[in-house]
Amino acid sequence: TRLSKFTAIPPRTRLVISLGVCVIGATGLMVSDYLEKTVPPPKKPVDNNVSQEFS
């Protein structure tokens, strides 16, 4: 299985891979927050004929 293959590599290499995944994830969160602040989503006009059921 994938877990047994992952545990077969040396602990230091597993640590580096895991830290790399965490860094990529944190970078993605920071970039998405930055983009959300600098480029806000377009505001849609309110249509009174549309059901507000899911709002």
PDB file of N, CA and C in Angstrom:
ATOM      1  N   THR A   1       0.837  -1.192   0.000  1.00  0.00           N
ATOM      2  CA  THR A   1       0.000   0.000   0.000  1.00  0.00           C
ATOM      3  C   THR A   1       0.877   1.249   0.000  1.00  0.00           C
ATOM      4  N   ARG A   2       0.236   2.387  -0.162  1.00  0.00           N
ATOM      5  CA  ARG A   2       0.992   3.644  -0.193  1.00  0.00           C
ATOM      6  C   ARG A   2       1.628   3.943   1.155  1.00  0.00           C
ATOM      7  N   LEU A   3       0.924   3.598   2.231  1.00  0.00           N
ATOM      8  CA  LEU A   3       1.468   3.866   3.564  1.00  0.00           C
ATOM      9  C   LEU A   3       2.726   3.049   3.816  1.00  0.00           C
ATOM     10  N   SER A   4       2.734   1.797   3.406  1.00  0.00           N
ATOM     11  CA  SER A   4       3.921   0.972   3.617  1.00  0.00           C
ATOM     12  C   SER A   4       5.089   1.465   2.761  1.00  0.00           C
ATOM     13  N   LYS A   5       4.787   1.971   1.568  1.00  0.00           N
ATOM     14  CA  LYS A   5       5.853   2.531   0.738  1.00  0.00           C
ATOM     15  C   LYS A   5       6.403   3.810   1.361  1.00  0.00           C
ATOM     16  N   PHE A   6       5.509   4.618   1.936  1.00  0.00           N
ATOM     17  CA  PHE A   6       5.938   5.869   2.565  1.00  0.00           C
ATOM     18  C   PHE A   6       6.762   5.590   3.815  1.00  0.00           C
ATOM     19  N   THR A   7       6.373   4.602   4.598  1.00  0.00           N
ATOM     20  CA  THR A   7       7.124   4.289   5.821  1.00  0.00           C
ATOM     21  C   THR A   7       8.437   3.575   5.508  1.00  0.00           C
ATOM     22  N   ALA A   8       8.601   3.087   4.279  1.00  0.00           N
ATOM     23  CA  ALA A   8       9.840   2.409   3.915  1.00  0.00           C
ATOM     24  C   ALA A   8      10.977   3.392   3.653  1.00  0.00           C
ATOM     25  N   ILE A   9      10.672   4.647   3.337  1.00  0.00           N
ATOM     26  CA  ILE A   9      11.739   5.619   3.097  1.00  0.00           C
ATOM     27  C   ILE A   9      12.282   6.116   4.440  1.00  0.00           C
ATOM     28  N   PRO A  10      13.503   6.620   4.448  1.00  0.00           N
ATOM     29  CA  PRO A  10      14.123   7.050   5.704  1.00  0.00           C
ATOM     30  C   PRO A  10      13.315   8.149   6.404  1.00  0.00           C
ATOM     31  N   PRO A  11      13.363   8.164   7.744  1.00  0.00           N
ATOM     32  CA  PRO A  11      12.583   9.151   8.502  1.00  0.00           C
ATOM     33  C   PRO A  11      12.898  10.597   8.133  1.00  0.00           C
ATOM     34  N   ARG A  12      14.161  10.894   7.881  1.00  0.00           N
ATOM     35  CA  ARG A  12      14.521  12.274   7.524  1.00  0.00           C
ATOM     36  C   ARG A  12      13.863  12.683   6.208  1.00  0.00           C
ATOM     37  N   THR A  13      13.846  11.787   5.247  1.00  0.00           N
ATOM     38  CA  THR A  13      13.224  12.071   3.956  1.00  0.00           C
ATOM     39  C   THR A  13      11.720  12.252   4.115  1.00  0.00           C
ATOM     40  N   ARG A  14      11.101  11.416   4.949  1.00  0.00           N
ATOM     41  CA  ARG A  14       9.662  11.574   5.215  1.00  0.00           C
ATOM     42  C   ARG A  14       9.375  12.922   5.841  1.00  0.00           C
ATOM     43  N   LEU A  15      10.240  13.352   6.759  1.00  0.00           N
ATOM     44  CA  LEU A  15      10.064  14.648   7.410  1.00  0.00           C
ATOM     45  C   LEU A  15      10.163  15.780   6.393  1.00  0.00           C
ATOM     46  N   VAL A  16      11.140  15.709   5.507  1.00  0.00           N
ATOM     47  CA  VAL A  16      11.315  16.749   4.489  1.00  0.00           C
ATOM     48  C   VAL A  16      10.107  16.783   3.554  1.00  0.00           C
ATOM     49  N   ILE A  17       9.627  15.629   3.148  1.00  0.00           N
ATOM     50  CA  ILE A  17       8.453  15.576   2.270  1.00  0.00           C
ATOM     51  C   ILE A  17       7.233  16.151   2.981  1.00  0.00           C
ATOM     52  N   SER A  18       7.019  15.772   4.229  1.00  0.00           N
ATOM     53  CA  SER A  18       5.863  16.262   4.988  1.00  0.00           C
ATOM     54  C   SER A  18       5.936  17.764   5.206  1.00  0.00           C
ATOM     55  N   LEU A  19       7.112  18.269   5.535  1.00  0.00           N
ATOM     56  CA  LEU A  19       7.267  19.714   5.712  1.00  0.00           C
ATOM     57  C   LEU A  19       7.041  20.449   4.394  1.00  0.00           C
ATOM     58  N   GLY A  20       7.494  19.869   3.303  1.00  0.00           N
ATOM     59  CA  GLY A  20       7.267  20.478   1.992  1.00  0.00           C
ATOM     60  C   GLY A  20       5.787  20.579   1.661  1.00  0.00           C
ATOM     61  N   VAL A  21       5.037  19.534   1.962  1.00  0.00           N
ATOM     62  CA  VAL A  21       3.590  19.560   1.726  1.00  0.00           C
ATOM     63  C   VAL A  21       2.933  20.628   2.597  1.00  0.00           C
ATOM     64  N   CYS A  22       3.366  20.733   3.860  1.00  0.00           N
ATOM     65  CA  CYS A  22       2.809  21.755   4.758  1.00  0.00           C
ATOM     66  C   CYS A  22       3.134  23.164   4.264  1.00  0.00           C
ATOM     67  N   VAL A  23       4.347  23.380   3.777  1.00  0.00           N
ATOM     68  CA  VAL A  23       4.737  24.700   3.270  1.00  0.00           C
ATOM     69  C   VAL A  23       3.910  25.061   2.036  1.00  0.00           C
ATOM     70  N   ILE A  24       3.717  24.112   1.155  1.00  0.00           N
ATOM     71  CA  ILE A  24       2.907  24.369  -0.040  1.00  0.00           C
ATOM     72  C   ILE A  24       1.469  24.701   0.354  1.00  0.00           C
ATOM     73  N   GLY A  25       0.919  23.986   1.324  1.00  0.00           N
ATOM     74  CA  GLY A  25      -0.439  24.260   1.784  1.00  0.00           C
ATOM     75  C   GLY A  25      -0.561  25.627   2.424  1.00  0.00           C
ATOM     76  N   ALA A  26       0.398  25.977   3.290  1.00  0.00           N
ATOM     77  CA  ALA A  26       0.362  27.284   3.950  1.00  0.00           C
ATOM     78  C   ALA A  26       0.531  28.409   2.936  1.00  0.00           C
ATOM     79  N   THR A  27       1.394  28.208   1.951  1.00  0.00           N
ATOM     80  CA  THR A  27       1.580  29.211   0.907  1.00  0.00           C
ATOM     81  C   THR A  27       0.291  29.408   0.114  1.00  0.00           C
ATOM     82  N   GLY A  28      -0.386  28.330  -0.193  1.00  0.00           N
ATOM     83  CA  GLY A  28      -1.652  28.426  -0.908  1.00  0.00           C
ATOM     84  C   GLY A  28      -2.697  29.196  -0.121  1.00  0.00           C
ATOM     85  N   LEU A  29      -2.761  28.964   1.190  1.00  0.00           N
ATOM     86  CA  LEU A  29      -3.707  29.706   2.026  1.00  0.00           C
ATOM     87  C   LEU A  29      -3.374  31.190   2.055  1.00  0.00           C
ATOM     88  N   MET A  30      -2.089  31.516   2.181  1.00  0.00           N
ATOM     89  CA  MET A  30      -1.687  32.918   2.241  1.00  0.00           C
ATOM     90  C   MET A  30      -1.947  33.619   0.909  1.00  0.00           C
ATOM     91  N   VAL A  31      -1.660  32.950  -0.191  1.00  0.00           N
ATOM     92  CA  VAL A  31      -1.887  33.550  -1.507  1.00  0.00           C
ATOM     93  C   VAL A  31      -3.381  33.762  -1.745  1.00  0.00           C
ATOM     94  N   SER A  32      -4.197  32.786  -1.364  1.00  0.00           N
ATOM     95  CA  SER A  32      -5.641  32.948  -1.581  1.00  0.00           C
ATOM     96  C   SER A  32      -6.207  34.069  -0.715  1.00  0.00           C
ATOM     97  N   ASP A  33      -5.728  34.215   0.522  1.00  0.00           N
ATOM     98  CA  ASP A  33      -6.171  35.330   1.366  1.00  0.00           C
ATOM     99  C   ASP A  33      -5.751  36.664   0.773  1.00  0.00           C
ATOM    100  N   TYR A  34      -4.518  36.735   0.268  1.00  0.00           N
ATOM    101  CA  TYR A  34      -4.023  37.975  -0.339  1.00  0.00           C
ATOM    102  C   TYR A  34      -4.855  38.343  -1.565  1.00  0.00           C
ATOM    103  N   LEU A  35      -5.116  37.354  -2.419  1.00  0.00           N
ATOM    104  CA  LEU A  35      -5.905  37.626  -3.623  1.00  0.00           C
ATOM    105  C   LEU A  35      -7.337  38.017  -3.279  1.00  0.00           C
ATOM    106  N   GLU A  36      -7.881  37.425  -2.229  1.00  0.00           N
ATOM    107  CA  GLU A  36      -9.244  37.763  -1.823  1.00  0.00           C
ATOM    108  C   GLU A  36      -9.333  39.211  -1.360  1.00  0.00           C
ATOM    109  N   LYS A  37      -8.271  39.711  -0.729  1.00  0.00           N
ATOM    110  CA  LYS A  37      -8.267  41.100  -0.264  1.00  0.00           C
ATOM    111  C   LYS A  37      -8.018  42.078  -1.406  1.00  0.00           C
ATOM    112  N   THR A  38      -7.123  41.731  -2.313  1.00  0.00           N
ATOM    113  CA  THR A  38      -6.751  42.667  -3.371  1.00  0.00           C
ATOM    114  C   THR A  38      -7.720  42.638  -4.549  1.00  0.00           C
ATOM    115  N   VAL A  39      -8.283  41.487  -4.860  1.00  0.00           N
ATOM    116  CA  VAL A  39      -9.201  41.357  -5.990  1.00  0.00           C
ATOM    117  C   VAL A  39     -10.508  40.759  -5.461  1.00  0.00           C
ATOM    118  N   PRO A  40     -11.393  41.600  -4.923  1.00  0.00           N
ATOM    119  CA  PRO A  40     -12.641  41.053  -4.387  1.00  0.00           C
ATOM    120  C   PRO A  40     -13.525  40.500  -5.503  1.00  0.00           C
ATOM    121  N   PRO A  41     -14.369  39.541  -5.180  1.00  0.00           N
ATOM    122  CA  PRO A  41     -15.246  38.981  -6.215  1.00  0.00           C
ATOM    123  C   PRO A  41     -16.240  40.024  -6.698  1.00  0.00           C
ATOM    124  N   PRO A  42     -16.661  39.929  -7.952  1.00  0.00           N
ATOM    125  CA  PRO A  42     -17.625  40.910  -8.469  1.00  0.00           C
ATOM    126  C   PRO A  42     -18.967  40.775  -7.753  1.00  0.00           C
ATOM    127  N   LYS A  43     -19.596  41.916  -7.521  1.00  0.00           N
ATOM    128  CA  LYS A  43     -20.898  41.904  -6.857  1.00  0.00           C
ATOM    129  C   LYS A  43     -21.983  41.738  -7.907  1.00  0.00           C
ATOM    130  N   LYS A  44     -22.838  40.766  -7.681  1.00  0.00           N
ATOM    131  CA  LYS A  44     -23.936  40.511  -8.609  1.00  0.00           C
ATOM    132  C   LYS A  44     -25.126  41.374  -8.212  1.00  0.00           C
ATOM    133  N   PRO A  45     -25.835  41.911  -9.191  1.00  0.00           N
ATOM    134  CA  PRO A  45     -27.042  42.676  -8.848  1.00  0.00           C
ATOM    135  C   PRO A  45     -28.104  41.748  -8.263  1.00  0.00           C
ATOM    136  N   VAL A  46     -28.861  42.269  -7.321  1.00  0.00           N
ATOM    137  CA  VAL A  46     -29.901  41.477  -6.673  1.00  0.00           C
ATOM    138  C   VAL A  46     -31.107  41.385  -7.598  1.00  0.00           C
ATOM    139  N   ASP A  47     -31.546  40.171  -7.853  1.00  0.00           N
ATOM    140  CA  ASP A  47     -32.736  39.948  -8.672  1.00  0.00           C
ATOM    141  C   ASP A  47     -33.863  39.519  -7.738  1.00  0.00           C
ATOM    142  N   ASN A  48     -34.897  40.321  -7.640  1.00  0.00           N
ATOM    143  CA  ASN A  48     -35.987  40.040  -6.714  1.00  0.00           C
ATOM    144  C   ASN A  48     -36.837  38.855  -7.139  1.00  0.00           C
ATOM    145  N   ASN A  49     -36.714  38.416  -8.379  1.00  0.00           N
ATOM    146  CA  ASN A  49     -37.508  37.291  -8.859  1.00  0.00           C
ATOM    147  C   ASN A  49     -36.879  35.946  -8.523  1.00  0.00           C
ATOM    148  N   VAL A  50     -35.638  35.969  -8.049  1.00  0.00           N
ATOM    149  CA  VAL A  50     -34.928  34.740  -7.731  1.00  0.00           C
ATOM    150  C   VAL A  50     -35.244  34.347  -6.295  1.00  0.00           C
ATOM    151  N   SER A  51     -35.463  33.075  -6.077  1.00  0.00           N
ATOM    152  CA  SER A  51     -35.768  32.581  -4.737  1.00  0.00           C
ATOM    153  C   SER A  51     -34.558  32.766  -3.825  1.00  0.00           C
ATOM    154  N   GLN A  52     -34.796  33.176  -2.608  1.00  0.00           N
ATOM    155  CA  GLN A  52     -33.729  33.380  -1.627  1.00  0.00           C
ATOM    156  C   GLN A  52     -33.601  32.165  -0.710  1.00  0.00           C
ATOM    157  N   GLU A  53     -34.003  31.008  -1.203  1.00  0.00           N
ATOM    158  CA  GLU A  53     -34.051  29.801  -0.389  1.00  0.00           C
ATOM    159  C   GLU A  53     -32.685  29.412   0.163  1.00  0.00           C
ATOM    160  N   PHE A  54     -31.634  29.563  -0.619  1.00  0.00           N
ATOM    161  CA  PHE A  54     -30.315  29.110  -0.209  1.00  0.00           C
ATOM    162  C   PHE A  54     -29.436  30.233   0.292  1.00  0.00           C
ATOM    163  N   SER A  55     -29.948  31.400   0.513  1.00  0.00           N
ATOM    164  CA  SER A  55     -29.151  32.535   0.963  1.00  0.00           C
ATOM    165  C   SER A  55     -28.949  32.497   2.452  1.00  0.00           C
TER     166      SER A  55
END
